[in-house]
Amino acid sequence: MPGRSFQDQKCRHPGCSEVETLGHVLGYCPRGELLRNNRHHKVRSSIATTLRKAKWEVYEEVHCLAENGSTRRADIIAIDRRNQRSLILDPTVRFEKDDQQANNVNNEKKSVYNSCIPHFREFMSLTLELTKAYPEGKVPINAQNIEDLKKLMKYVSDENAEAFYEEIFSYSTTQVLVHHE
């Protein structure tokens, strides 16, 4: 990082003793907590709005009880009464560490919310299924982002980087429409 000493790589935020990496700054450092929370709320609200437009019944920041009596708060409960389906959604934005990131986050979220399912079944009369959002840990990437990356490939000369990008290009894609108000 510009302006950093090679002798001390600790975070510059007072009271934080972690090594200052991009992952730490974006995902864990107390200094960025407000920005992370705001980003999370924007993502949550965007998902909730999309579900409402698709005629789902949507509740945000829903308090619930785990089987051991501890309290939790689910970011989104989405109910499709027509098809008798419901979802517990807890969006998260993480710095990707490896190709198992999506699986690890999925398992982490399941460990939090699985014990809340009886509460939702009883008090909201919901049918909840345990399913992964994305198979095999491969989260669909915006198709336009893939096209932009392909344009940059002519500037990549490292064989390892080329193999990395070729794997990225094999991921499934999705079309994301951006709506500006």
Protein backbone atom coordinates (compact mmCIF):
# COMPACT_ATOMS: atom_id res chain seq x y z
CA MET A 1 0.00 0.00 0.00
CA PRO A 2 1.29 3.48 -0.76
CA GLY A 3 2.79 5.17 2.25
CA ARG A 4 3.13 1.94 4.24
CA SER A 5 6.31 0.82 5.95
CA PHE A 6 7.51 -2.68 5.13
CA GLN A 7 8.31 -3.18 8.82
CA ASP A 8 4.79 -2.71 10.20
CA GLN A 9 1.81 -4.05 8.27
CA LYS A 10 -0.71 -3.61 11.08
CA CYS A 11 -3.95 -1.78 10.45
CA ARG A 12 -3.74 2.01 10.77
CA HIS A 13 -7.03 2.24 12.68
CA PRO A 14 -6.32 2.90 16.38
CA GLY A 15 -7.00 -0.13 18.54
CA CYS A 16 -7.00 -2.56 15.62
CA SER A 17 -4.07 -4.97 15.68
CA GLU A 18 -4.91 -6.98 12.54
CA VAL A 19 -2.71 -7.07 9.45
CA GLU A 20 -3.99 -4.44 7.03
CA THR A 21 -5.13 -6.31 3.92
CA LEU A 22 -7.81 -5.39 1.43
CA GLY A 23 -10.03 -8.15 2.88
CA HIS A 24 -9.55 -6.77 6.40
CA VAL A 25 -10.27 -3.16 5.40
CA LEU A 26 -13.38 -4.03 3.37
CA GLY A 27 -14.79 -6.74 5.61
CA TYR A 28 -13.64 -6.56 9.21
CA CYS A 29 -11.95 -3.34 10.32
CA PRO A 30 -14.04 -1.37 12.84
CA ARG A 31 -13.28 1.83 10.89
CA GLY A 32 -15.40 0.66 7.95
CA GLU A 33 -18.28 -0.79 9.97
CA LEU A 34 -20.75 1.98 9.11
CA LEU A 35 -19.95 1.72 5.39
CA ARG A 36 -20.28 -2.10 5.52
CA ASN A 37 -23.63 -1.84 7.29
CA ASN A 38 -24.90 0.73 4.78
CA ARG A 39 -23.76 -1.48 1.88
CA HIS A 40 -25.48 -4.48 3.46
CA HIS A 41 -28.74 -2.56 3.97
CA LYS A 42 -28.71 -1.36 0.35
CA VAL A 43 -28.21 -4.93 -0.89
CA ARG A 44 -30.95 -6.21 1.43
CA SER A 45 -33.37 -3.49 0.35
CA SER A 46 -32.64 -4.12 -3.32
CA ILE A 47 -33.36 -7.85 -2.95
CA ALA A 48 -36.53 -7.15 -0.96
CA THR A 49 -37.76 -4.67 -3.57
CA THR A 50 -37.12 -7.16 -6.38
CA LEU A 51 -39.04 -9.87 -4.52
CA ARG A 52 -41.96 -7.52 -3.87
CA LYS A 53 -42.12 -6.66 -7.57
CA ALA A 54 -42.30 -10.41 -8.25
CA LYS A 55 -45.38 -10.54 -5.94
CA TRP A 56 -43.65 -12.14 -2.94
CA GLU A 57 -44.73 -11.15 0.56
CA VAL A 58 -41.55 -9.72 2.11
CA TYR A 59 -40.56 -8.92 5.68
CA GLU A 60 -37.24 -7.31 6.59
CA GLU A 61 -35.27 -7.51 9.84
CA VAL A 62 -37.52 -10.22 11.34
CA HIS A 63 -36.81 -11.27 14.92
CA CYS A 64 -36.94 -14.99 15.63
CA LEU A 65 -36.00 -17.57 18.24
CA ALA A 66 -33.53 -20.39 17.77
CA GLU A 67 -34.28 -23.78 19.28
CA ASN A 68 -31.87 -23.06 22.16
CA GLY A 69 -33.81 -19.89 23.05
CA SER A 70 -31.31 -17.40 21.62
CA THR A 71 -32.65 -14.56 19.53
CA ARG A 72 -31.77 -13.94 15.92
CA ARG A 73 -32.77 -11.46 13.27
CA ALA A 74 -33.33 -12.67 9.73
CA ASP A 75 -32.62 -10.01 7.11
CA ILE A 76 -35.45 -11.10 4.81
CA ILE A 77 -38.34 -13.52 5.07
CA ALA A 78 -39.87 -13.93 1.62
CA ILE A 79 -43.16 -15.77 1.17
CA ASP A 80 -44.67 -16.98 -2.11
CA ARG A 81 -48.15 -17.96 -0.95
CA ARG A 82 -49.24 -19.01 -4.47
CA ASN A 83 -46.60 -21.75 -4.61
CA GLN A 84 -46.43 -22.32 -0.84
CA ARG A 85 -42.74 -21.46 -0.65
CA SER A 86 -40.80 -19.30 1.74
CA LEU A 87 -37.20 -18.25 2.08
CA ILE A 88 -34.92 -16.96 4.79
CA LEU A 89 -32.44 -14.65 3.09
CA ASP A 90 -29.36 -13.19 4.72
CA PRO A 91 -27.34 -11.44 2.02
CA THR A 92 -23.68 -10.93 2.69
CA VAL A 93 -20.89 -9.26 0.78
CA ARG A 94 -17.54 -10.86 1.49
CA PHE A 95 -14.05 -10.44 0.14
CA GLU A 96 -13.41 -13.66 -1.76
CA LYS A 97 -10.56 -15.65 -0.25
CA ASP A 98 -10.77 -18.82 -2.31
CA ASP A 99 -13.04 -20.96 -4.49
CA GLN A 100 -14.84 -22.33 -1.41
CA GLN A 101 -16.05 -18.92 -0.21
CA ALA A 102 -19.66 -19.38 -1.38
CA ASN A 103 -19.89 -22.86 0.21
CA ASN A 104 -18.36 -21.62 3.46
CA VAL A 105 -20.76 -18.67 3.68
CA ASN A 106 -23.70 -20.94 2.83
CA ASN A 107 -22.73 -23.36 5.64
CA GLU A 108 -22.22 -20.48 8.06
CA LYS A 109 -25.65 -19.02 7.32
CA LYS A 110 -27.33 -22.44 7.57
CA SER A 111 -25.76 -22.98 10.99
CA VAL A 112 -27.30 -19.71 12.13
CA TYR A 113 -30.80 -20.09 10.66
CA ASN A 114 -31.53 -23.84 10.63
CA SER A 115 -32.41 -23.72 14.31
CA CYS A 116 -34.88 -20.87 13.63
CA ILE A 117 -36.96 -22.83 11.13
CA PRO A 118 -39.29 -24.34 13.79
CA HIS A 119 -40.03 -20.80 15.02
CA PHE A 120 -41.01 -19.61 11.54
CA ARG A 121 -43.05 -22.74 10.86
CA GLU A 122 -45.01 -22.26 14.06
CA PHE A 123 -45.47 -18.50 14.26
CA MET A 124 -45.66 -17.59 10.59
CA SER A 125 -47.13 -20.85 9.29
CA LEU A 126 -44.32 -21.17 6.75
CA THR A 127 -42.98 -24.05 4.72
CA LEU A 128 -39.21 -23.70 4.62
CA GLU A 129 -36.87 -25.87 2.63
CA LEU A 130 -33.13 -26.10 3.06
CA THR A 131 -31.56 -25.38 -0.30
CA LYS A 132 -28.42 -23.72 -1.56
CA ALA A 133 -28.78 -20.46 -3.41
CA TYR A 134 -26.05 -21.42 -5.88
CA PRO A 135 -24.83 -24.92 -6.79
CA GLU A 136 -21.22 -25.95 -6.33
CA GLY A 137 -20.20 -22.63 -4.81
CA LYS A 138 -20.22 -20.88 -8.18
CA VAL A 139 -22.15 -17.66 -7.82
CA PRO A 140 -23.44 -16.35 -11.16
CA ILE A 141 -21.54 -13.33 -12.37
CA ASN A 142 -23.10 -10.41 -14.19
CA ALA A 143 -22.72 -11.16 -17.92
CA GLN A 144 -21.58 -7.61 -18.67
CA ASN A 145 -18.77 -7.94 -16.11
CA ILE A 146 -17.58 -11.11 -17.88
CA GLU A 147 -17.59 -9.29 -21.22
CA ASP A 148 -15.59 -6.44 -19.72
CA LEU A 149 -13.05 -8.90 -18.29
CA LYS A 150 -12.69 -10.60 -21.67
CA LYS A 151 -11.78 -7.24 -23.22
CA LEU A 152 -8.97 -6.89 -20.67
CA MET A 153 -7.51 -10.34 -21.39
CA LYS A 154 -5.30 -8.95 -24.17
CA TYR A 155 -3.34 -7.12 -21.47
CA VAL A 156 -2.71 -10.24 -19.35
CA SER A 157 0.63 -11.91 -20.03
CA ASP A 158 0.98 -14.15 -16.96
CA GLU A 159 0.04 -17.81 -17.63
CA ASN A 160 -1.31 -18.28 -14.11
CA ALA A 161 -3.53 -15.22 -14.46
CA GLU A 162 -4.77 -16.45 -17.84
CA ALA A 163 -5.79 -19.79 -16.30
CA PHE A 164 -7.51 -17.94 -13.48
CA TYR A 165 -9.54 -15.79 -15.88
CA GLU A 166 -10.42 -18.74 -18.09
CA GLU A 167 -11.94 -20.42 -15.04
CA ILE A 168 -13.88 -17.25 -14.23
CA PHE A 169 -15.19 -17.18 -17.81
CA SER A 170 -16.58 -20.70 -17.31
CA TYR A 171 -18.81 -19.56 -14.42
CA SER A 172 -22.51 -19.20 -15.06
CA THR A 173 -23.69 -15.68 -15.77
CA THR A 174 -26.78 -13.68 -15.05
CA GLN A 175 -28.32 -10.60 -16.57
CA VAL A 176 -28.66 -7.88 -13.98
CA LEU A 177 -30.72 -4.87 -14.88
CA VAL A 178 -29.64 -1.69 -13.18
CA HIS A 179 -32.48 0.67 -12.37
CA HIS A 180 -31.58 4.26 -11.54
CA GLU A 181 -34.21 6.36 -9.82
